[in-house]
Amino acid sequence: MRIRYADSMMLGFSFVEYLYIMRSAQELLIENLRAIRLSQNLTQVQLAEKADLSNTIIGDIEQGRRRPGLQTLEKIANALNVPIAQLFYDSQSNYTPAGIENKEELRAFLYRLVDKAIDE
């Protein structure tokens, strides 16, 4: 799920809230990508080969140095045989953005990310 600052402004988020949202989404991605990869006994190199990406990209994503676009997320999810939404699953709230169907649900999800980031 990629959210641009302009989109977040339309939903009523400040720039600071937007930064929290992006950081929280990235943290979920890092945590879930690593956990799923390890649960499948894959190294970063093996995942990169399956996803037709460089192992540098996988390493950079897991270290938080790179924010992947949708195409990269699709390749990774396909290689892991999981839906993209599972990469953003929040185990603390048992919630995934796959359930978002309208603007209100998106706003609620983003506020949960902001609250989680602020609490940390």
PDB file of N, CA and C in Angstrom:
ATOM      1  N   MET A   1       0.846  -1.165   0.000  1.00  0.00           N
ATOM      2  CA  MET A   1       0.000   0.000   0.000  1.00  0.00           C
ATOM      3  C   MET A   1       0.890   1.225   0.000  1.00  0.00           C
ATOM      4  N   ARG A   2       0.813   2.006  -1.043  1.00  0.00           N
ATOM      5  CA  ARG A   2       1.657   3.175  -1.146  1.00  0.00           C
ATOM      6  C   ARG A   2       0.797   4.423  -1.021  1.00  0.00           C
ATOM      7  N   ILE A   3       1.125   5.257  -0.082  1.00  0.00           N
ATOM      8  CA  ILE A   3       0.336   6.453   0.174  1.00  0.00           C
ATOM      9  C   ILE A   3       1.221   7.669  -0.078  1.00  0.00           C
ATOM     10  N   ARG A   4       0.787   8.520  -0.970  1.00  0.00           N
ATOM     11  CA  ARG A   4       1.523   9.754  -1.230  1.00  0.00           C
ATOM     12  C   ARG A   4       1.054  10.820  -0.252  1.00  0.00           C
ATOM     13  N   TYR A   5       1.900  11.802   0.001  1.00  0.00           N
ATOM     14  CA  TYR A   5       1.539  12.862   0.933  1.00  0.00           C
ATOM     15  C   TYR A   5       0.273  13.579   0.477  1.00  0.00           C
ATOM     16  N   ALA A   6       0.138  13.804  -0.839  1.00  0.00           N
ATOM     17  CA  ALA A   6      -1.062  14.479  -1.346  1.00  0.00           C
ATOM     18  C   ALA A   6      -2.316  13.680  -0.995  1.00  0.00           C
ATOM     19  N   ASP A   7      -2.244  12.343  -1.085  1.00  0.00           N
ATOM     20  CA  ASP A   7      -3.385  11.503  -0.721  1.00  0.00           C
ATOM     21  C   ASP A   7      -3.687  11.634   0.768  1.00  0.00           C
ATOM     22  N   SER A   8      -2.646  11.661   1.581  1.00  0.00           N
ATOM     23  CA  SER A   8      -2.862  11.750   3.024  1.00  0.00           C
ATOM     24  C   SER A   8      -3.472  13.091   3.404  1.00  0.00           C
ATOM     25  N   MET A   9      -3.130  14.152   2.675  1.00  0.00           N
ATOM     26  CA  MET A   9      -3.713  15.469   2.947  1.00  0.00           C
ATOM     27  C   MET A   9      -5.213  15.441   2.679  1.00  0.00           C
ATOM     28  N   MET A  10      -5.633  14.743   1.619  1.00  0.00           N
ATOM     29  CA  MET A  10      -7.060  14.658   1.300  1.00  0.00           C
ATOM     30  C   MET A  10      -7.810  13.912   2.399  1.00  0.00           C
ATOM     31  N   LEU A  11      -7.116  13.018   3.105  1.00  0.00           N
ATOM     32  CA  LEU A  11      -7.737  12.282   4.197  1.00  0.00           C
ATOM     33  C   LEU A  11      -7.640  13.037   5.515  1.00  0.00           C
ATOM     34  N   GLY A  12      -6.993  14.208   5.492  1.00  0.00           N
ATOM     35  CA  GLY A  12      -6.945  15.047   6.682  1.00  0.00           C
ATOM     36  C   GLY A  12      -5.742  14.803   7.577  1.00  0.00           C
ATOM     37  N   PHE A  13      -4.657  14.241   7.043  1.00  0.00           N
ATOM     38  CA  PHE A  13      -3.465  13.991   7.844  1.00  0.00           C
ATOM     39  C   PHE A  13      -2.453  15.101   7.654  1.00  0.00           C
ATOM     40  N   SER A  14      -1.773  15.456   8.733  1.00  0.00           N
ATOM     41  CA  SER A  14      -0.702  16.449   8.649  1.00  0.00           C
ATOM     42  C   SER A  14       0.554  15.776   8.099  1.00  0.00           C
ATOM     43  N   PHE A  15       1.549  16.573   7.791  1.00  0.00           N
ATOM     44  CA  PHE A  15       2.804  16.036   7.283  1.00  0.00           C
ATOM     45  C   PHE A  15       3.471  15.126   8.315  1.00  0.00           C
ATOM     46  N   VAL A  16       3.415  15.514   9.577  1.00  0.00           N
ATOM     47  CA  VAL A  16       4.010  14.696  10.640  1.00  0.00           C
ATOM     48  C   VAL A  16       3.290  13.358  10.739  1.00  0.00           C
ATOM     49  N   GLU A  17       1.952  13.376  10.670  1.00  0.00           N
ATOM     50  CA  GLU A  17       1.192  12.120  10.699  1.00  0.00           C
ATOM     51  C   GLU A  17       1.542  11.259   9.487  1.00  0.00           C
ATOM     52  N   TYR A  18       1.696  11.893   8.330  1.00  0.00           N
ATOM     53  CA  TYR A  18       2.081  11.175   7.117  1.00  0.00           C
ATOM     54  C   TYR A  18       3.418  10.462   7.324  1.00  0.00           C
ATOM     55  N   LEU A  19       4.375  11.160   7.932  1.00  0.00           N
ATOM     56  CA  LEU A  19       5.684  10.537   8.181  1.00  0.00           C
ATOM     57  C   LEU A  19       5.550   9.336   9.113  1.00  0.00           C
ATOM     58  N   TYR A  20       4.722   9.432  10.146  1.00  0.00           N
ATOM     59  CA  TYR A  20       4.475   8.298  11.039  1.00  0.00           C
ATOM     60  C   TYR A  20       3.845   7.133  10.291  1.00  0.00           C
ATOM     61  N   ILE A  21       2.882   7.448   9.423  1.00  0.00           N
ATOM     62  CA  ILE A  21       2.219   6.403   8.645  1.00  0.00           C
ATOM     63  C   ILE A  21       3.233   5.663   7.786  1.00  0.00           C
ATOM     64  N   MET A  22       4.050   6.408   7.060  1.00  0.00           N
ATOM     65  CA  MET A  22       5.020   5.779   6.171  1.00  0.00           C
ATOM     66  C   MET A  22       6.032   4.952   6.958  1.00  0.00           C
ATOM     67  N   ARG A  23       6.491   5.471   8.094  1.00  0.00           N
ATOM     68  CA  ARG A  23       7.451   4.734   8.907  1.00  0.00           C
ATOM     69  C   ARG A  23       6.806   3.449   9.451  1.00  0.00           C
ATOM     70  N   SER A  24       5.570   3.540   9.911  1.00  0.00           N
ATOM     71  CA  SER A  24       4.887   2.378  10.456  1.00  0.00           C
ATOM     72  C   SER A  24       4.627   1.325   9.391  1.00  0.00           C
ATOM     73  N   ALA A  25       4.210   1.748   8.192  1.00  0.00           N
ATOM     74  CA  ALA A  25       3.978   0.806   7.103  1.00  0.00           C
ATOM     75  C   ALA A  25       5.286   0.113   6.731  1.00  0.00           C
ATOM     76  N   GLN A  26       6.380   0.865   6.711  1.00  0.00           N
ATOM     77  CA  GLN A  26       7.671   0.283   6.385  1.00  0.00           C
ATOM     78  C   GLN A  26       8.100  -0.717   7.463  1.00  0.00           C
ATOM     79  N   GLU A  27       7.850  -0.394   8.721  1.00  0.00           N
ATOM     80  CA  GLU A  27       8.202  -1.315   9.803  1.00  0.00           C
ATOM     81  C   GLU A  27       7.415  -2.622   9.699  1.00  0.00           C
ATOM     82  N   LEU A  28       6.124  -2.521   9.359  1.00  0.00           N
ATOM     83  CA  LEU A  28       5.323  -3.729   9.168  1.00  0.00           C
ATOM     84  C   LEU A  28       5.886  -4.564   8.021  1.00  0.00           C
ATOM     85  N   LEU A  29       6.234  -3.898   6.931  1.00  0.00           N
ATOM     86  CA  LEU A  29       6.792  -4.599   5.774  1.00  0.00           C
ATOM     87  C   LEU A  29       8.088  -5.312   6.144  1.00  0.00           C
ATOM     88  N   ILE A  30       8.983  -4.619   6.823  1.00  0.00           N
ATOM     89  CA  ILE A  30      10.264  -5.214   7.219  1.00  0.00           C
ATOM     90  C   ILE A  30      10.033  -6.435   8.101  1.00  0.00           C
ATOM     91  N   GLU A  31       9.205  -6.275   9.114  1.00  0.00           N
ATOM     92  CA  GLU A  31       8.944  -7.360  10.058  1.00  0.00           C
ATOM     93  C   GLU A  31       8.319  -8.573   9.366  1.00  0.00           C
ATOM     94  N   ASN A  32       7.311  -8.323   8.535  1.00  0.00           N
ATOM     95  CA  ASN A  32       6.598  -9.422   7.892  1.00  0.00           C
ATOM     96  C   ASN A  32       7.412 -10.079   6.791  1.00  0.00           C
ATOM     97  N   LEU A  33       8.110  -9.284   5.999  1.00  0.00           N
ATOM     98  CA  LEU A  33       8.924  -9.856   4.926  1.00  0.00           C
ATOM     99  C   LEU A  33       9.956 -10.812   5.501  1.00  0.00           C
ATOM    100  N   ARG A  34      10.666 -10.364   6.505  1.00  0.00           N
ATOM    101  CA  ARG A  34      11.691 -11.206   7.125  1.00  0.00           C
ATOM    102  C   ARG A  34      11.075 -12.471   7.730  1.00  0.00           C
ATOM    103  N   ALA A  35       9.965 -12.314   8.453  1.00  0.00           N
ATOM    104  CA  ALA A  35       9.323 -13.461   9.102  1.00  0.00           C
ATOM    105  C   ALA A  35       8.829 -14.477   8.082  1.00  0.00           C
ATOM    106  N   ILE A  36       8.184 -14.012   7.021  1.00  0.00           N
ATOM    107  CA  ILE A  36       7.680 -14.932   5.994  1.00  0.00           C
ATOM    108  C   ILE A  36       8.839 -15.623   5.283  1.00  0.00           C
ATOM    109  N   ARG A  37       9.861 -14.850   4.937  1.00  0.00           N
ATOM    110  CA  ARG A  37      11.029 -15.424   4.249  1.00  0.00           C
ATOM    111  C   ARG A  37      11.675 -16.502   5.107  1.00  0.00           C
ATOM    112  N   LEU A  38      11.875 -16.207   6.382  1.00  0.00           N
ATOM    113  CA  LEU A  38      12.517 -17.175   7.273  1.00  0.00           C
ATOM    114  C   LEU A  38      11.627 -18.393   7.524  1.00  0.00           C
ATOM    115  N   SER A  39      10.309 -18.188   7.590  1.00  0.00           N
ATOM    116  CA  SER A  39       9.399 -19.319   7.797  1.00  0.00           C
ATOM    117  C   SER A  39       9.430 -20.280   6.617  1.00  0.00           C
ATOM    118  N   GLN A  40       9.832 -19.776   5.463  1.00  0.00           N
ATOM    119  CA  GLN A  40       9.946 -20.616   4.269  1.00  0.00           C
ATOM    120  C   GLN A  40      11.389 -21.088   4.048  1.00  0.00           C
ATOM    121  N   ASN A  41      12.222 -20.854   5.060  1.00  0.00           N
ATOM    122  CA  ASN A  41      13.634 -21.261   5.007  1.00  0.00           C
ATOM    123  C   ASN A  41      14.361 -20.737   3.772  1.00  0.00           C
ATOM    124  N   LEU A  42      14.097 -19.466   3.449  1.00  0.00           N
ATOM    125  CA  LEU A  42      14.747 -18.838   2.307  1.00  0.00           C
ATOM    126  C   LEU A  42      15.770 -17.818   2.782  1.00  0.00           C
ATOM    127  N   THR A  43      16.893 -17.786   2.115  1.00  0.00           N
ATOM    128  CA  THR A  43      17.852 -16.709   2.345  1.00  0.00           C
ATOM    129  C   THR A  43      17.411 -15.513   1.505  1.00  0.00           C
ATOM    130  N   GLN A  44      18.014 -14.368   1.751  1.00  0.00           N
ATOM    131  CA  GLN A  44      17.712 -13.202   0.930  1.00  0.00           C
ATOM    132  C   GLN A  44      18.074 -13.467  -0.529  1.00  0.00           C
ATOM    133  N   VAL A  45      19.168 -14.147  -0.746  1.00  0.00           N
ATOM    134  CA  VAL A  45      19.611 -14.475  -2.108  1.00  0.00           C
ATOM    135  C   VAL A  45      18.594 -15.380  -2.794  1.00  0.00           C
ATOM    136  N   GLN A  46      18.109 -16.392  -2.087  1.00  0.00           N
ATOM    137  CA  GLN A  46      17.130 -17.310  -2.676  1.00  0.00           C
ATOM    138  C   GLN A  46      15.824 -16.590  -3.005  1.00  0.00           C
ATOM    139  N   LEU A  47      15.373 -15.727  -2.098  1.00  0.00           N
ATOM    140  CA  LEU A  47      14.153 -14.967  -2.361  1.00  0.00           C
ATOM    141  C   LEU A  47      14.357 -14.057  -3.564  1.00  0.00           C
ATOM    142  N   ALA A  48      15.483 -13.400  -3.623  1.00  0.00           N
ATOM    143  CA  ALA A  48      15.773 -12.508  -4.749  1.00  0.00           C
ATOM    144  C   ALA A  48      15.731 -13.270  -6.071  1.00  0.00           C
ATOM    145  N   GLU A  49      16.291 -14.469  -6.093  1.00  0.00           N
ATOM    146  CA  GLU A  49      16.269 -15.279  -7.314  1.00  0.00           C
ATOM    147  C   GLU A  49      14.843 -15.644  -7.694  1.00  0.00           C
ATOM    148  N   LYS A  50      14.046 -16.066  -6.706  1.00  0.00           N
ATOM    149  CA  LYS A  50      12.656 -16.441  -6.980  1.00  0.00           C
ATOM    150  C   LYS A  50      11.838 -15.247  -7.470  1.00  0.00           C
ATOM    151  N   ALA A  51      12.154 -14.057  -6.963  1.00  0.00           N
ATOM    152  CA  ALA A  51      11.405 -12.849  -7.310  1.00  0.00           C
ATOM    153  C   ALA A  51      11.977 -12.126  -8.523  1.00  0.00           C
ATOM    154  N   ASP A  52      13.077 -12.648  -9.059  1.00  0.00           N
ATOM    155  CA  ASP A  52      13.767 -12.009 -10.181  1.00  0.00           C
ATOM    156  C   ASP A  52      14.184 -10.581  -9.830  1.00  0.00           C
ATOM    157  N   LEU A  53      14.774 -10.457  -8.640  1.00  0.00           N
ATOM    158  CA  LEU A  53      15.305  -9.189  -8.150  1.00  0.00           C
ATOM    159  C   LEU A  53      16.735  -9.409  -7.695  1.00  0.00           C
ATOM    160  N   SER A  54      17.457  -8.337  -7.468  1.00  0.00           N
ATOM    161  CA  SER A  54      18.805  -8.498  -6.930  1.00  0.00           C
ATOM    162  C   SER A  54      18.722  -8.720  -5.421  1.00  0.00           C
ATOM    163  N   ASN A  55      19.682  -9.454  -4.878  1.00  0.00           N
ATOM    164  CA  ASN A  55      19.668  -9.686  -3.435  1.00  0.00           C
ATOM    165  C   ASN A  55      19.923  -8.389  -2.677  1.00  0.00           C
ATOM    166  N   THR A  56      20.516  -7.403  -3.320  1.00  0.00           N
ATOM    167  CA  THR A  56      20.718  -6.093  -2.704  1.00  0.00           C
ATOM    168  C   THR A  56      19.370  -5.440  -2.420  1.00  0.00           C
ATOM    169  N   ILE A  57      18.430  -5.586  -3.339  1.00  0.00           N
ATOM    170  CA  ILE A  57      17.103  -4.994  -3.144  1.00  0.00           C
ATOM    171  C   ILE A  57      16.419  -5.610  -1.931  1.00  0.00           C
ATOM    172  N   ILE A  58      16.450  -6.936  -1.831  1.00  0.00           N
ATOM    173  CA  ILE A  58      15.817  -7.605  -0.693  1.00  0.00           C
ATOM    174  C   ILE A  58      16.490  -7.162   0.605  1.00  0.00           C
ATOM    175  N   GLY A  59      17.800  -7.137   0.622  1.00  0.00           N
ATOM    176  CA  GLY A  59      18.537  -6.713   1.816  1.00  0.00           C
ATOM    177  C   GLY A  59      18.217  -5.276   2.197  1.00  0.00           C
ATOM    178  N   ASP A  60      18.158  -4.401   1.199  1.00  0.00           N
ATOM    179  CA  ASP A  60      17.849  -2.988   1.472  1.00  0.00           C
ATOM    180  C   ASP A  60      16.444  -2.818   2.025  1.00  0.00           C
ATOM    181  N   ILE A  61      15.484  -3.587   1.507  1.00  0.00           N
ATOM    182  CA  ILE A  61      14.110  -3.503   2.012  1.00  0.00           C
ATOM    183  C   ILE A  61      14.078  -3.976   3.460  1.00  0.00           C
ATOM    184  N   GLU A  62      14.720  -5.109   3.737  1.00  0.00           N
ATOM    185  CA  GLU A  62      14.700  -5.648   5.105  1.00  0.00           C
ATOM    186  C   GLU A  62      15.466  -4.772   6.097  1.00  0.00           C
ATOM    187  N   GLN A  63      16.375  -3.965   5.610  1.00  0.00           N
ATOM    188  CA  GLN A  63      17.118  -3.067   6.490  1.00  0.00           C
ATOM    189  C   GLN A  63      16.478  -1.676   6.556  1.00  0.00           C
ATOM    190  N   GLY A  64      15.394  -1.466   5.809  1.00  0.00           N
ATOM    191  CA  GLY A  64      14.712  -0.178   5.838  1.00  0.00           C
ATOM    192  C   GLY A  64      15.378   0.900   5.028  1.00  0.00           C
ATOM    193  N   ARG A  65      16.294   0.522   4.163  1.00  0.00           N
ATOM    194  CA  ARG A  65      17.000   1.505   3.337  1.00  0.00           C
ATOM    195  C   ARG A  65      16.289   1.769   2.015  1.00  0.00           C
ATOM    196  N   ARG A  66      15.276   0.962   1.706  1.00  0.00           N
ATOM    197  CA  ARG A  66      14.570   1.101   0.434  1.00  0.00           C
ATOM    198  C   ARG A  66      13.079   0.879   0.656  1.00  0.00           C
ATOM    199  N   ARG A  67      12.276   1.711   0.034  1.00  0.00           N
ATOM    200  CA  ARG A  67      10.826   1.535   0.055  1.00  0.00           C
ATOM    201  C   ARG A  67      10.398   1.024  -1.321  1.00  0.00           C
ATOM    202  N   PRO A  68       9.982  -0.216  -1.386  1.00  0.00           N
ATOM    203  CA  PRO A  68       9.671  -0.795  -2.701  1.00  0.00           C
ATOM    204  C   PRO A  68       8.368  -0.261  -3.277  1.00  0.00           C
ATOM    205  N   GLY A  69       8.331  -0.221  -4.593  1.00  0.00           N
ATOM    206  CA  GLY A  69       7.104   0.133  -5.295  1.00  0.00           C
ATOM    207  C   GLY A  69       6.204  -1.083  -5.433  1.00  0.00           C
ATOM    208  N   LEU A  70       5.064  -0.868  -6.040  1.00  0.00           N
ATOM    209  CA  LEU A  70       4.071  -1.925  -6.172  1.00  0.00           C
ATOM    210  C   LEU A  70       4.592  -3.110  -6.983  1.00  0.00           C
ATOM    211  N   GLN A  71       5.305  -2.856  -8.070  1.00  0.00           N
ATOM    212  CA  GLN A  71       5.819  -3.958  -8.891  1.00  0.00           C
ATOM    213  C   GLN A  71       6.783  -4.832  -8.094  1.00  0.00           C
ATOM    214  N   THR A  72       7.633  -4.215  -7.324  1.00  0.00           N
ATOM    215  CA  THR A  72       8.585  -4.976  -6.507  1.00  0.00           C
ATOM    216  C   THR A  72       7.842  -5.772  -5.443  1.00  0.00           C
ATOM    217  N   LEU A  73       6.851  -5.146  -4.804  1.00  0.00           N
ATOM    218  CA  LEU A  73       6.051  -5.861  -3.802  1.00  0.00           C
ATOM    219  C   LEU A  73       5.327  -7.051  -4.424  1.00  0.00           C
ATOM    220  N   GLU A  74       4.810  -6.869  -5.632  1.00  0.00           N
ATOM    221  CA  GLU A  74       4.133  -7.976  -6.323  1.00  0.00           C
ATOM    222  C   GLU A  74       5.096  -9.124  -6.588  1.00  0.00           C
ATOM    223  N   LYS A  75       6.294  -8.812  -7.034  1.00  0.00           N
ATOM    224  CA  LYS A  75       7.291  -9.851  -7.298  1.00  0.00           C
ATOM    225  C   LYS A  75       7.639 -10.617  -6.024  1.00  0.00           C
ATOM    226  N   ILE A  76       7.825  -9.871  -4.946  1.00  0.00           N
ATOM    227  CA  ILE A  76       8.181 -10.501  -3.670  1.00  0.00           C
ATOM    228  C   ILE A  76       7.033 -11.363  -3.163  1.00  0.00           C
ATOM    229  N   ALA A  77       5.818 -10.818  -3.183  1.00  0.00           N
ATOM    230  CA  ALA A  77       4.654 -11.569  -2.710  1.00  0.00           C
ATOM    231  C   ALA A  77       4.447 -12.829  -3.542  1.00  0.00           C
ATOM    232  N   ASN A  78       4.587 -12.724  -4.850  1.00  0.00           N
ATOM    233  CA  ASN A  78       4.442 -13.895  -5.716  1.00  0.00           C
ATOM    234  C   ASN A  78       5.513 -14.939  -5.416  1.00  0.00           C
ATOM    235  N   ALA A  79       6.738 -14.479  -5.201  1.00  0.00           N
ATOM    236  CA  ALA A  79       7.827 -15.412  -4.894  1.00  0.00           C
ATOM    237  C   ALA A  79       7.594 -16.126  -3.570  1.00  0.00           C
ATOM    238  N   LEU A  80       6.973 -15.437  -2.628  1.00  0.00           N
ATOM    239  CA  LEU A  80       6.674 -16.028  -1.320  1.00  0.00           C
ATOM    240  C   LEU A  80       5.320 -16.747  -1.313  1.00  0.00           C
ATOM    241  N   ASN A  81       4.575 -16.604  -2.408  1.00  0.00           N
ATOM    242  CA  ASN A  81       3.252 -17.214  -2.544  1.00  0.00           C
ATOM    243  C   ASN A  81       2.284 -16.722  -1.459  1.00  0.00           C
ATOM    244  N   VAL A  82       2.290 -15.394  -1.243  1.00  0.00           N
ATOM    245  CA  VAL A  82       1.382 -14.755  -0.289  1.00  0.00           C
ATOM    246  C   VAL A  82       0.761 -13.534  -0.964  1.00  0.00           C
ATOM    247  N   PRO A  83      -0.410 -13.094  -0.497  1.00  0.00           N
ATOM    248  CA  PRO A  83      -0.965 -11.841  -1.026  1.00  0.00           C
ATOM    249  C   PRO A  83      -0.136 -10.653  -0.524  1.00  0.00           C
ATOM    250  N   ILE A  84      -0.090  -9.598  -1.307  1.00  0.00           N
ATOM    251  CA  ILE A  84       0.667  -8.407  -0.906  1.00  0.00           C
ATOM    252  C   ILE A  84       0.226  -7.919   0.465  1.00  0.00           C
ATOM    253  N   ALA A  85      -1.066  -7.968   0.741  1.00  0.00           N
ATOM    254  CA  ALA A  85      -1.586  -7.474   2.023  1.00  0.00           C
ATOM    255  C   ALA A  85      -0.936  -8.167   3.209  1.00  0.00           C
ATOM    256  N   GLN A  86      -0.522  -9.431   3.035  1.00  0.00           N
ATOM    257  CA  GLN A  86       0.103 -10.149   4.150  1.00  0.00           C
ATOM    258  C   GLN A  86       1.434  -9.522   4.539  1.00  0.00           C
ATOM    259  N   LEU A  87       2.061  -8.822   3.614  1.00  0.00           N
ATOM    260  CA  LEU A  87       3.320  -8.139   3.915  1.00  0.00           C
ATOM    261  C   LEU A  87       3.101  -6.960   4.861  1.00  0.00           C
ATOM    262  N   PHE A  88       1.849  -6.515   4.991  1.00  0.00           N
ATOM    263  CA  PHE A  88       1.529  -5.378   5.858  1.00  0.00           C
ATOM    264  C   PHE A  88       0.621  -5.782   7.013  1.00  0.00           C
ATOM    265  N   TYR A  89       0.554  -7.055   7.296  1.00  0.00           N
ATOM    266  CA  TYR A  89      -0.283  -7.566   8.382  1.00  0.00           C
ATOM    267  C   TYR A  89       0.243  -7.051   9.714  1.00  0.00           C
ATOM    268  N   ASP A  90      -0.652  -6.562  10.546  1.00  0.00           N
ATOM    269  CA  ASP A  90      -0.282  -6.059  11.868  1.00  0.00           C
ATOM    270  C   ASP A  90      -0.710  -7.091  12.900  1.00  0.00           C
ATOM    271  N   SER A  91       0.237  -7.851  13.417  1.00  0.00           N
ATOM    272  CA  SER A  91      -0.082  -8.937  14.340  1.00  0.00           C
ATOM    273  C   SER A  91      -0.621  -8.426  15.672  1.00  0.00           C
ATOM    274  N   GLN A  92      -0.268  -7.201  16.063  1.00  0.00           N
ATOM    275  CA  GLN A  92      -0.749  -6.660  17.333  1.00  0.00           C
ATOM    276  C   GLN A  92      -2.243  -6.362  17.288  1.00  0.00           C
ATOM    277  N   SER A  93      -2.724  -5.913  16.141  1.00  0.00           N
ATOM    278  CA  SER A  93      -4.146  -5.592  16.039  1.00  0.00           C
ATOM    279  C   SER A  93      -4.904  -6.623  15.220  1.00  0.00           C
ATOM    280  N   ASN A  94      -4.184  -7.656  14.732  1.00  0.00           N
ATOM    281  CA  ASN A  94      -4.796  -8.701  13.919  1.00  0.00           C
ATOM    282  C   ASN A  94      -5.526  -8.085  12.728  1.00  0.00           C
ATOM    283  N   TYR A  95      -4.878  -7.136  12.088  1.00  0.00           N
ATOM    284  CA  TYR A  95      -5.511  -6.388  11.002  1.00  0.00           C
ATOM    285  C   TYR A  95      -4.580  -6.322   9.813  1.00  0.00           C
ATOM    286  N   THR A  96      -5.154  -6.399   8.639  1.00  0.00           N
ATOM    287  CA  THR A  96      -4.388  -6.239   7.418  1.00  0.00           C
ATOM    288  C   THR A  96      -5.130  -5.263   6.500  1.00  0.00           C
ATOM    289  N   PRO A  97      -4.409  -4.487   5.707  1.00  0.00           N
ATOM    290  CA  PRO A  97      -5.073  -3.526   4.837  1.00  0.00           C
ATOM    291  C   PRO A  97      -5.903  -4.169   3.733  1.00  0.00           C
ATOM    292  N   ALA A  98      -5.877  -5.490   3.613  1.00  0.00           N
ATOM    293  CA  ALA A  98      -6.680  -6.157   2.589  1.00  0.00           C
ATOM    294  C   ALA A  98      -8.163  -5.917   2.817  1.00  0.00           C
ATOM    295  N   GLY A  99      -8.560  -5.649   4.059  1.00  0.00           N
ATOM    296  CA  GLY A  99      -9.964  -5.444   4.373  1.00  0.00           C
ATOM    297  C   GLY A  99     -10.472  -4.037   4.088  1.00  0.00           C
ATOM    298  N   ILE A 100      -9.621  -3.174   3.597  1.00  0.00           N
ATOM    299  CA  ILE A 100     -10.013  -1.790   3.348  1.00  0.00           C
ATOM    300  C   ILE A 100     -10.855  -1.713   2.087  1.00  0.00           C
ATOM    301  N   GLU A 101     -12.075  -1.206   2.253  1.00  0.00           N
ATOM    302  CA  GLU A 101     -12.977  -1.111   1.110  1.00  0.00           C
ATOM    303  C   GLU A 101     -13.447   0.310   0.834  1.00  0.00           C
ATOM    304  N   ASN A 102     -13.216   1.219   1.770  1.00  0.00           N
ATOM    305  CA  ASN A 102     -13.667   2.586   1.540  1.00  0.00           C
ATOM    306  C   ASN A 102     -12.764   3.565   2.285  1.00  0.00           C
ATOM    307  N   LYS A 103     -13.038   4.835   2.076  1.00  0.00           N
ATOM    308  CA  LYS A 103     -12.207   5.898   2.644  1.00  0.00           C
ATOM    309  C   LYS A 103     -12.178   5.858   4.173  1.00  0.00           C
ATOM    310  N   GLU A 104     -13.300   5.542   4.794  1.00  0.00           N
ATOM    311  CA  GLU A 104     -13.355   5.509   6.251  1.00  0.00           C
ATOM    312  C   GLU A 104     -12.487   4.394   6.822  1.00  0.00           C
ATOM    313  N   GLU A 105     -12.504   3.229   6.179  1.00  0.00           N
ATOM    314  CA  GLU A 105     -11.667   2.118   6.635  1.00  0.00           C
ATOM    315  C   GLU A 105     -10.190   2.437   6.433  1.00  0.00           C
ATOM    316  N   LEU A 106      -9.879   3.117   5.317  1.00  0.00           N
ATOM    317  CA  LEU A 106      -8.490   3.528   5.077  1.00  0.00           C
ATOM    318  C   LEU A 106      -8.055   4.510   6.164  1.00  0.00           C
ATOM    319  N   ARG A 107      -8.905   5.480   6.472  1.00  0.00           N
ATOM    320  CA  ARG A 107      -8.577   6.459   7.511  1.00  0.00           C
ATOM    321  C   ARG A 107      -8.345   5.758   8.854  1.00  0.00           C
ATOM    322  N   ALA A 108      -9.220   4.794   9.200  1.00  0.00           N
ATOM    323  CA  ALA A 108      -9.077   4.066  10.462  1.00  0.00           C
ATOM    324  C   ALA A 108      -7.769   3.297  10.493  1.00  0.00           C
ATOM    325  N   PHE A 109      -7.404   2.644   9.382  1.00  0.00           N
ATOM    326  CA  PHE A 109      -6.153   1.895   9.312  1.00  0.00           C
ATOM    327  C   PHE A 109      -4.957   2.828   9.487  1.00  0.00           C
ATOM    328  N   LEU A 110      -4.983   3.971   8.804  1.00  0.00           N
ATOM    329  CA  LEU A 110      -3.866   4.917   8.893  1.00  0.00           C
ATOM    330  C   LEU A 110      -3.740   5.494  10.296  1.00  0.00           C
ATOM    331  N   TYR A 111      -4.872   5.785  10.936  1.00  0.00           N
ATOM    332  CA  TYR A 111      -4.805   6.287  12.309  1.00  0.00           C
ATOM    333  C   TYR A 111      -4.234   5.235  13.252  1.00  0.00           C
ATOM    334  N   ARG A 112      -4.551   3.951  13.025  1.00  0.00           N
ATOM    335  CA  ARG A 112      -3.964   2.900  13.863  1.00  0.00           C
ATOM    336  C   ARG A 112      -2.446   2.862  13.683  1.00  0.00           C
ATOM    337  N   LEU A 113      -1.982   3.056  12.445  1.00  0.00           N
ATOM    338  CA  LEU A 113      -0.547   3.100  12.211  1.00  0.00           C
ATOM    339  C   LEU A 113       0.085   4.291  12.916  1.00  0.00           C
ATOM    340  N   VAL A 114      -0.585   5.455  12.842  1.00  0.00           N
ATOM    341  CA  VAL A 114      -0.061   6.639  13.511  1.00  0.00           C
ATOM    342  C   VAL A 114      -0.012   6.417  15.018  1.00  0.00           C
ATOM    343  N   ASP A 115      -1.090   5.907  15.593  1.00  0.00           N
ATOM    344  CA  ASP A 115      -1.129   5.666  17.041  1.00  0.00           C
ATOM    345  C   ASP A 115      -0.031   4.692  17.465  1.00  0.00           C
ATOM    346  N   LYS A 116       0.168   3.637  16.686  1.00  0.00           N
ATOM    347  CA  LYS A 116       1.202   2.645  16.995  1.00  0.00           C
ATOM    348  C   LYS A 116       2.583   3.305  16.974  1.00  0.00           C
ATOM    349  N   ALA A 117       2.831   4.136  15.967  1.00  0.00           N
ATOM    350  CA  ALA A 117       4.138   4.793  15.844  1.00  0.00           C
ATOM    351  C   ALA A 117       4.366   5.786  16.974  1.00  0.00           C
ATOM    352  N   ILE A 118       3.330   6.505  17.353  1.00  0.00           N
ATOM    353  CA  ILE A 118       3.464   7.502  18.425  1.00  0.00           C
ATOM    354  C   ILE A 118       3.726   6.822  19.757  1.00  0.00           C
ATOM    355  N   ASP A 119       3.085   5.668  19.997  1.00  0.00           N
ATOM    356  CA  ASP A 119       3.245   4.947  21.253  1.00  0.00           C
ATOM    357  C   ASP A 119       4.654   4.374  21.414  1.00  0.00           C
ATOM    358  N   GLU A 120       5.354   4.163  20.305  1.00  0.00           N
ATOM    359  CA  GLU A 120       6.678   3.515  20.380  1.00  0.00           C
ATOM    360  C   GLU A 120       7.769   4.463  20.748  1.00  0.00           C
TER     361      GLU A 120
END
